[in-house]
Amino acid sequence: MPEPSWLVLVLLPVAAWSGWWAASRAYRRDERRQQHAISSNYFKGLNYLLNEQPDKAIEVFLKLAEINTETAETHLALGNLFRRRGEVDKAIRFHRHIISRSNLSEQHRTQALLELGEDYMRAGLLDRAEKLFSELAEDGRYSEVAIRSLLSIYQQEKDWKNAIIQARQLEHVSDGDSSSLIAQFHCELAAEAEQGGDRENARRHLATARNHHPECTRAYLLEADLDVAQGKWADAAGKYQQACQLDPDISVLVVESLSRCFSELGREPELLDWLEQLVNRGATLAPVLAFAAIRAESDPGSAIDFLLEQLQRRPTARGLYQLLELMHRHGHRIDEIDPALLRNLMHRLLDDQPRFRCRQCGFSGQTWHWQCPSCREWETTRPVIGVLGE
């Protein structure tokens, strides 16, 4: 091979390497300049935020995204920050800008769409949020998040039929059980049907609610109310009792209606037995007061003693009022009560009540805090004003 050809073969790799080295140095210089510009603009934007100049910060960060797509995470975080601060329009602007980028990763795009949907919900633009989340629900990776958001939207709109559909979809894409939720939605549909005069349809929805969630106390109460409206006193009484059997605390909603049912049926002694059972199970104050009121009709002294005994176990302002009212109505004087007993009752009542409350976050307690231990704000503690306050 001639000498010149040999030199060409030797020099070609050297030239290629030299060209690559020179180009890489130029690229690194450009990259450093670009990174410097990004860093400078990034801190410039943060400075605007710290100085409460969000509009200027927005302009800086939007330009920053045009330089480096890796700033998508920063934009997502800033958009969320604005939404939490109630500046939803700025959050929407940030998230829309991210979505509009053609070179954005699919993960960042989907994340931005989810955040934009949250922005729309916060802004009350539920139709836009619904459309966006409906599209995202088709994506298996994010379907659970989207369906939960759709479920929230339909509850806000009181669109119970679509809420039921989404609750069922949620069961398919998650490990959760939506049966109690679906039962509540059918109860809502039953209430709407009853208000529209369609009692038959209302009963169908209530039966469906119990099929989904046999312990749905609301379904029993609503059907008992339908029975009362139709004069089916025995059926109503049975359903009210079933509801209380499932949840004794529900007695606060039942005692008055059930008392009427037993009265219409002429079964007052049975009512007393049932109330006593609830009292022994430690239910709400409602059966205690109802029991005392019924017993007072035949034996006021025994009713007063019973109420005093119950108030010693669980003092309440409402119970004390009922006691004083009962004594006044039946001619008993307050001084007939042991002063030590009454004093102890009032002491326990007041001990359960907070004396001070933070006007910023609502934290309450017996101690005055110059700095709230909950929200950490200073000089926000104030006395509780009211019947049981200062």
Protein backbone atom coordinates (compact mmCIF):
# COMPACT_ATOMS: atom_id res chain seq x y z
CA MET A 1 0.00 0.00 0.00
CA PRO A 2 1.48 3.47 -0.88
CA GLU A 3 2.61 5.71 1.94
CA PRO A 4 -0.07 8.42 1.50
CA SER A 5 -2.79 5.81 1.73
CA TRP A 6 -1.24 4.49 4.87
CA LEU A 7 -1.21 7.98 6.40
CA VAL A 8 -4.88 8.44 5.53
CA LEU A 9 -5.79 5.20 7.28
CA VAL A 10 -3.86 6.24 10.36
CA LEU A 11 -5.08 9.82 10.46
CA LEU A 12 -8.77 9.10 9.80
CA PRO A 13 -9.44 7.63 13.31
CA VAL A 14 -7.38 10.41 14.85
CA ALA A 15 -9.37 13.00 12.96
CA ALA A 16 -12.63 11.34 13.94
CA TRP A 17 -11.59 11.23 17.58
CA SER A 18 -10.41 14.85 17.45
CA GLY A 19 -13.70 15.90 15.91
CA TRP A 20 -15.67 13.99 18.57
CA TRP A 21 -13.50 15.49 21.36
CA ALA A 22 -13.94 19.03 20.04
CA ALA A 23 -17.66 18.54 19.56
CA SER A 24 -18.10 17.02 23.01
CA ARG A 25 -16.24 19.95 24.58
CA ALA A 26 -18.49 22.37 22.73
CA TYR A 27 -21.55 20.36 23.75
CA ARG A 28 -20.44 20.32 27.39
CA ARG A 29 -19.90 24.07 27.28
CA ASP A 30 -23.39 24.54 25.83
CA GLU A 31 -24.83 22.15 28.37
CA ARG A 32 -23.08 23.96 31.25
CA ARG A 33 -24.37 27.27 29.96
CA GLN A 34 -27.85 25.78 29.68
CA GLN A 35 -27.67 24.26 33.16
CA HIS A 36 -26.41 27.58 34.51
CA ALA A 37 -29.37 29.34 32.88
CA ILE A 38 -31.79 26.76 34.31
CA SER A 39 -30.27 27.05 37.76
CA SER A 40 -30.31 30.85 37.62
CA ASN A 41 -33.95 30.99 36.46
CA TYR A 42 -34.95 28.32 38.95
CA PHE A 43 -33.66 30.32 41.90
CA LYS A 44 -35.05 33.49 40.40
CA GLY A 45 -38.49 31.87 40.36
CA LEU A 46 -38.12 30.67 43.95
CA ASN A 47 -37.14 34.18 44.98
CA TYR A 48 -40.33 35.54 43.46
CA LEU A 49 -42.35 32.95 45.37
CA LEU A 50 -40.66 33.79 48.64
CA ASN A 51 -41.39 37.46 48.05
CA GLU A 52 -45.08 36.77 47.41
CA GLN A 53 -44.87 37.56 43.70
CA PRO A 54 -46.54 34.44 42.26
CA ASP A 55 -47.36 35.94 38.86
CA LYS A 56 -43.70 36.72 38.14
CA ALA A 57 -42.72 33.30 39.48
CA ILE A 58 -45.17 31.66 37.08
CA GLU A 59 -43.63 33.40 34.07
CA VAL A 60 -40.13 32.33 35.11
CA PHE A 61 -41.06 28.69 35.68
CA LEU A 62 -43.03 28.45 32.44
CA LYS A 63 -39.95 29.63 30.53
CA LEU A 64 -37.84 27.20 32.53
CA ALA A 65 -39.93 24.29 31.26
CA GLU A 66 -39.13 25.34 27.70
CA ILE A 67 -35.42 24.81 28.42
CA ASN A 68 -35.48 21.47 30.24
CA THR A 69 -38.29 18.95 30.31
CA GLU A 70 -36.94 17.53 33.58
CA THR A 71 -38.54 20.52 35.30
CA ALA A 72 -41.94 18.81 34.95
CA GLU A 73 -41.69 17.54 38.53
CA THR A 74 -41.07 21.09 39.73
CA HIS A 75 -44.11 22.30 37.82
CA LEU A 76 -46.32 19.57 39.22
CA ALA A 77 -45.25 20.45 42.75
CA LEU A 78 -45.80 24.17 42.18
CA GLY A 79 -49.21 23.56 40.66
CA ASN A 80 -50.21 21.54 43.69
CA LEU A 81 -48.87 24.29 45.96
CA PHE A 82 -51.03 26.90 44.26
CA ARG A 83 -54.09 24.63 44.49
CA ARG A 84 -53.57 24.10 48.22
CA ARG A 85 -53.33 27.86 48.64
CA GLY A 86 -56.66 28.28 46.87
CA GLU A 87 -55.12 29.83 43.73
CA VAL A 88 -56.72 27.28 41.44
CA ASP A 89 -56.41 29.40 38.29
CA LYS A 90 -52.62 29.38 38.64
CA ALA A 91 -52.60 25.63 39.30
CA ILE A 92 -54.65 25.05 36.15
CA ARG A 93 -52.23 27.19 34.14
CA PHE A 94 -49.23 25.20 35.36
CA HIS A 95 -50.76 21.80 34.72
CA ARG A 96 -52.12 22.77 31.30
CA HIS A 97 -48.69 24.01 30.28
CA ILE A 98 -47.10 20.69 31.25
CA ILE A 99 -49.69 18.72 29.27
CA SER A 100 -49.14 20.89 26.17
CA ARG A 101 -45.48 19.86 25.88
CA SER A 102 -44.88 17.40 23.05
CA ASN A 103 -41.68 15.93 24.50
CA LEU A 104 -43.15 15.11 27.92
CA SER A 105 -42.95 11.54 29.20
CA GLU A 106 -46.21 9.59 29.33
CA GLN A 107 -45.91 9.25 33.11
CA HIS A 108 -45.58 13.00 33.63
CA ARG A 109 -48.40 13.70 31.18
CA THR A 110 -50.80 11.35 32.97
CA GLN A 111 -49.76 12.74 36.35
CA ALA A 112 -50.41 16.26 35.09
CA LEU A 113 -53.84 15.21 33.77
CA LEU A 114 -54.74 13.79 37.18
CA GLU A 115 -53.64 17.00 38.87
CA LEU A 116 -55.55 19.10 36.34
CA GLY A 117 -58.65 17.07 37.15
CA GLU A 118 -58.16 17.88 40.84
CA ASP A 119 -57.81 21.56 39.89
CA TYR A 120 -61.12 21.45 38.02
CA MET A 121 -62.82 19.81 40.99
CA ARG A 122 -61.50 22.46 43.36
CA ALA A 123 -62.68 25.17 40.96
CA GLY A 124 -66.15 23.61 40.78
CA LEU A 125 -65.74 22.76 37.08
CA LEU A 126 -67.14 19.30 37.63
CA ASP A 127 -68.13 18.67 33.99
CA ARG A 128 -64.52 19.19 32.84
CA ALA A 129 -63.18 17.07 35.68
CA GLU A 130 -65.67 14.31 34.87
CA LYS A 131 -64.64 14.20 31.21
CA LEU A 132 -60.94 14.10 32.08
CA PHE A 133 -61.23 11.41 34.74
CA SER A 134 -63.51 9.32 32.51
CA GLU A 135 -60.72 9.17 29.93
CA LEU A 136 -58.09 8.36 32.56
CA ALA A 137 -60.28 5.59 34.01
CA GLU A 138 -59.63 3.63 30.81
CA ASP A 139 -55.91 3.55 31.64
CA GLY A 140 -55.27 0.49 33.79
CA ARG A 141 -52.35 2.11 35.61
CA TYR A 142 -54.38 5.03 36.91
CA SER A 143 -57.94 3.71 36.77
CA GLU A 144 -58.35 3.42 40.55
CA VAL A 145 -57.36 7.05 41.17
CA ALA A 146 -59.60 8.26 38.34
CA ILE A 147 -62.58 6.17 39.46
CA ARG A 148 -62.27 7.46 43.03
CA SER A 149 -62.34 11.00 41.67
CA LEU A 150 -65.38 10.23 39.51
CA LEU A 151 -67.05 8.75 42.56
CA SER A 152 -66.43 11.99 44.45
CA ILE A 153 -67.81 14.06 41.56
CA TYR A 154 -71.03 12.05 41.29
CA GLN A 155 -71.59 12.31 45.04
CA GLN A 156 -71.21 16.09 44.87
CA GLU A 157 -73.68 16.17 41.98
CA LYS A 158 -76.02 13.73 43.78
CA ASP A 159 -75.93 11.56 40.68
CA TRP A 160 -76.48 8.36 42.63
CA LYS A 161 -76.95 6.04 39.65
CA ASN A 162 -73.56 6.92 38.19
CA ALA A 163 -72.08 6.81 41.69
CA ILE A 164 -73.27 3.19 41.98
CA ILE A 165 -71.64 2.35 38.64
CA GLN A 166 -68.31 3.83 39.74
CA ALA A 167 -68.48 2.11 43.14
CA ARG A 168 -68.90 -1.22 41.36
CA GLN A 169 -66.00 -0.38 39.04
CA LEU A 170 -63.88 0.46 42.07
CA GLU A 171 -64.41 -3.04 43.43
CA HIS A 172 -63.05 -4.47 40.17
CA VAL A 173 -59.84 -2.41 40.17
CA SER A 174 -59.05 -2.47 43.89
CA ASP A 175 -59.15 -4.82 46.85
CA GLY A 176 -61.75 -2.69 48.64
CA ASP A 177 -65.37 -3.48 49.43
CA SER A 178 -67.87 -0.87 48.26
CA SER A 179 -71.00 -2.67 49.48
CA SER A 180 -71.80 -0.24 52.30
CA LEU A 181 -71.23 2.70 49.95
CA ILE A 182 -73.53 1.23 47.30
CA ALA A 183 -76.16 0.63 49.98
CA GLN A 184 -76.05 4.31 50.96
CA PHE A 185 -76.49 5.35 47.32
CA HIS A 186 -79.58 3.13 47.02
CA CYS A 187 -80.90 4.73 50.21
CA GLU A 188 -80.48 8.13 48.56
CA LEU A 189 -82.41 6.91 45.53
CA ALA A 190 -85.10 5.52 47.85
CA ALA A 191 -85.42 8.89 49.61
CA GLU A 192 -85.78 10.63 46.23
CA ALA A 193 -88.41 8.13 45.12
CA GLU A 194 -90.36 8.56 48.37
CA GLN A 195 -90.29 12.34 48.01
CA GLY A 196 -91.67 11.89 44.50
CA GLY A 197 -94.50 9.72 45.83
CA ASP A 198 -93.15 6.47 44.34
CA ARG A 199 -93.12 4.30 47.47
CA GLU A 200 -92.92 1.06 45.52
CA ASN A 201 -89.69 2.12 43.82
CA ALA A 202 -88.40 3.39 47.17
CA ARG A 203 -88.93 -0.06 48.73
CA ARG A 204 -87.11 -1.71 45.80
CA HIS A 205 -84.07 0.47 46.38
CA LEU A 206 -84.13 -0.25 50.11
CA ALA A 207 -84.29 -3.99 49.47
CA THR A 208 -81.30 -3.64 47.14
CA ALA A 209 -79.45 -1.65 49.79
CA ARG A 210 -79.95 -4.44 52.34
CA ASN A 211 -78.86 -7.05 49.78
CA HIS A 212 -75.59 -5.20 49.31
CA HIS A 213 -75.12 -4.44 52.99
CA PRO A 214 -77.37 -6.43 55.38
CA GLU A 215 -76.28 -4.23 58.32
CA CYS A 216 -77.34 -0.97 56.67
CA THR A 217 -79.31 0.62 59.52
CA ARG A 218 -80.39 3.51 57.32
CA ALA A 219 -82.28 1.14 55.02
CA TYR A 220 -84.22 -0.27 58.00
CA LEU A 221 -85.05 3.24 59.25
CA LEU A 222 -86.25 4.46 55.86
CA GLU A 223 -88.45 1.43 55.32
CA ALA A 224 -89.84 1.78 58.85
CA ASP A 225 -90.71 5.40 58.01
CA LEU A 226 -92.56 4.15 54.92
CA ASP A 227 -94.47 1.69 57.11
CA VAL A 228 -95.42 4.49 59.52
CA ALA A 229 -96.69 6.60 56.62
CA GLN A 230 -98.94 3.69 55.62
CA GLY A 231 -100.06 2.92 59.18
CA LYS A 232 -98.19 -0.38 59.35
CA TRP A 233 -97.27 0.10 62.99
CA ALA A 234 -96.15 -3.47 63.78
CA ASP A 235 -93.92 -3.67 60.70
CA ALA A 236 -92.43 -0.27 61.49
CA ALA A 237 -91.76 -1.19 65.12
CA GLY A 238 -89.97 -4.37 64.05
CA LYS A 239 -87.69 -2.51 61.63
CA TYR A 240 -86.89 0.23 64.16
CA GLN A 241 -85.93 -2.45 66.67
CA GLN A 242 -83.79 -4.25 64.07
CA ALA A 243 -81.91 -1.01 63.36
CA CYS A 244 -81.20 -0.50 67.07
CA GLN A 245 -80.12 -4.11 67.41
CA LEU A 246 -77.53 -3.52 64.70
CA ASP A 247 -76.40 -0.18 66.15
CA PRO A 248 -77.59 0.92 69.63
CA ASP A 249 -76.40 4.48 68.96
CA ILE A 250 -79.10 4.80 66.29
CA SER A 251 -81.65 4.82 69.11
CA VAL A 252 -81.33 8.60 69.27
CA LEU A 253 -83.18 8.66 65.92
CA VAL A 254 -85.66 5.92 66.77
CA VAL A 255 -87.04 6.37 70.28
CA GLU A 256 -89.72 8.93 69.43
CA SER A 257 -91.03 7.07 66.36
CA LEU A 258 -90.92 3.68 68.06
CA SER A 259 -92.77 5.07 71.08
CA ARG A 260 -95.53 6.18 68.75
CA CYS A 261 -95.69 2.72 67.14
CA PHE A 262 -96.06 0.96 70.51
CA SER A 263 -98.62 3.53 71.60
CA GLU A 264 -100.70 2.94 68.45
CA LEU A 265 -100.46 -0.81 69.07
CA GLY A 266 -101.32 -0.48 72.77
CA ARG A 267 -98.04 -2.16 73.78
CA GLU A 268 -96.56 0.42 76.17
CA PRO A 269 -95.21 -2.19 78.66
CA GLU A 270 -93.24 -3.78 75.83
CA LEU A 271 -91.78 -0.39 75.01
CA LEU A 272 -90.50 -0.01 78.59
CA ASP A 273 -88.83 -3.41 78.42
CA TRP A 274 -87.16 -2.52 75.15
CA LEU A 275 -85.95 0.87 76.46
CA GLU A 276 -84.52 -0.80 79.54
CA GLN A 277 -82.59 -3.21 77.33
CA LEU A 278 -81.10 -0.29 75.41
CA VAL A 279 -80.17 1.47 78.66
CA ASN A 280 -78.39 -1.66 79.89
CA ARG A 281 -76.50 -1.92 76.61
CA GLY A 282 -75.09 1.57 77.19
CA ALA A 283 -76.84 3.22 74.26
CA THR A 284 -77.32 6.97 73.85
CA LEU A 285 -79.12 9.21 76.34
CA ALA A 286 -82.35 9.09 74.32
CA PRO A 287 -83.66 5.76 75.74
CA VAL A 288 -82.69 6.88 79.27
CA LEU A 289 -84.78 10.02 78.98
CA ALA A 290 -87.68 8.21 77.31
CA PHE A 291 -87.68 5.51 80.00
CA ALA A 292 -87.66 8.13 82.78
CA ALA A 293 -90.47 10.12 81.13
CA ILE A 294 -92.73 7.05 80.80
CA ARG A 295 -92.01 5.81 84.33
CA ALA A 296 -92.69 9.32 85.73
CA GLU A 297 -96.32 9.05 84.58
CA SER A 298 -96.98 6.36 87.20
CA ASP A 299 -94.10 6.78 89.68
CA PRO A 300 -92.34 10.18 89.54
CA GLY A 301 -90.08 9.46 92.52
CA SER A 302 -88.79 6.25 90.97
CA ALA A 303 -88.20 8.04 87.65
CA ILE A 304 -86.19 10.80 89.37
CA ASP A 305 -84.07 8.25 91.25
CA PHE A 306 -83.47 6.34 88.02
CA LEU A 307 -82.38 9.50 86.19
CA LEU A 308 -80.06 10.52 89.04
CA GLU A 309 -78.44 7.10 88.98
CA GLN A 310 -77.90 7.30 85.21
CA LEU A 311 -76.47 10.82 85.43
CA GLN A 312 -73.92 9.69 87.99
CA ARG A 313 -72.67 7.13 85.49
CA ARG A 314 -72.75 9.45 82.51
CA PRO A 315 -73.34 13.13 83.29
CA THR A 316 -74.73 15.26 80.46
CA ALA A 317 -76.17 18.76 80.34
CA ARG A 318 -79.26 17.46 78.54
CA GLY A 319 -79.80 14.79 81.18
CA LEU A 320 -79.45 17.33 84.01
CA TYR A 321 -81.99 19.60 82.34
CA GLN A 322 -84.42 16.69 82.00
CA LEU A 323 -83.94 15.85 85.69
CA LEU A 324 -84.71 19.42 86.82
CA GLU A 325 -87.69 19.61 84.46
CA LEU A 326 -89.05 16.32 85.80
CA MET A 327 -88.69 17.46 89.41
CA HIS A 328 -90.39 20.77 88.70
CA ARG A 329 -93.26 19.14 86.81
CA HIS A 330 -94.01 16.70 89.61
CA GLY A 331 -93.61 19.14 92.48
CA HIS A 332 -90.20 18.07 93.77
CA ARG A 333 -87.80 20.70 95.12
CA ILE A 334 -84.19 20.94 94.02
CA ASP A 335 -83.02 20.85 97.65
CA GLU A 336 -84.30 17.28 97.84
CA ILE A 337 -81.23 16.26 95.84
CA ASP A 338 -78.12 15.51 97.88
CA PRO A 339 -75.94 18.68 97.42
CA ALA A 340 -72.78 16.56 97.23
CA LEU A 341 -74.35 14.51 94.44
CA LEU A 342 -75.37 17.60 92.48
CA ARG A 343 -71.95 19.23 93.02
CA ASN A 344 -70.18 16.09 91.81
CA LEU A 345 -72.45 15.94 88.78
CA MET A 346 -71.69 19.57 87.82
CA HIS A 347 -67.96 19.05 88.44
CA ARG A 348 -67.86 16.08 86.07
CA LEU A 349 -69.87 17.98 83.50
CA LEU A 350 -67.48 20.93 83.54
CA ASP A 351 -64.40 18.70 83.59
CA ASP A 352 -65.44 17.24 80.23
CA GLN A 353 -65.72 20.68 78.65
CA PRO A 354 -62.74 22.59 77.19
CA ARG A 355 -62.09 26.03 78.67
CA PHE A 356 -59.98 27.38 75.84
CA ARG A 357 -59.98 27.06 72.04
CA CYS A 358 -57.61 28.15 69.27
CA ARG A 359 -59.45 30.56 66.97
CA GLN A 360 -57.13 29.56 64.14
CA CYS A 361 -57.51 25.76 64.00
CA GLY A 362 -60.08 24.92 66.71
CA PHE A 363 -57.73 23.02 69.04
CA SER A 364 -59.30 22.99 72.52
CA GLY A 365 -58.37 22.00 76.03
CA GLN A 366 -58.20 23.01 79.68
CA THR A 367 -54.91 24.94 79.37
CA TRP A 368 -54.16 28.34 77.90
CA HIS A 369 -51.38 28.06 75.28
CA TRP A 370 -49.58 31.15 74.06
CA GLN A 371 -48.49 29.09 71.07
CA CYS A 372 -51.12 26.61 69.84
CA PRO A 373 -49.67 23.08 70.02
CA SER A 374 -51.65 22.11 66.93
CA CYS A 375 -51.23 24.86 64.32
CA ARG A 376 -48.21 26.51 66.05
CA GLU A 377 -49.72 30.00 65.73
CA TRP A 378 -49.08 32.54 68.49
CA GLU A 379 -51.71 34.32 70.63
CA THR A 380 -54.67 32.55 69.02
CA THR A 381 -56.05 30.92 72.20
CA ARG A 382 -59.32 32.35 73.49
CA PRO A 383 -61.81 31.35 76.22
CA VAL A 384 -64.74 29.18 75.18
CA ILE A 385 -67.87 31.30 75.44
CA GLY A 386 -71.18 29.57 76.04
CA VAL A 387 -73.44 27.81 78.54
CA LEU A 388 -70.66 25.48 79.67
CA GLY A 389 -67.84 27.95 78.96
CA GLU A 390 -66.69 31.25 80.46
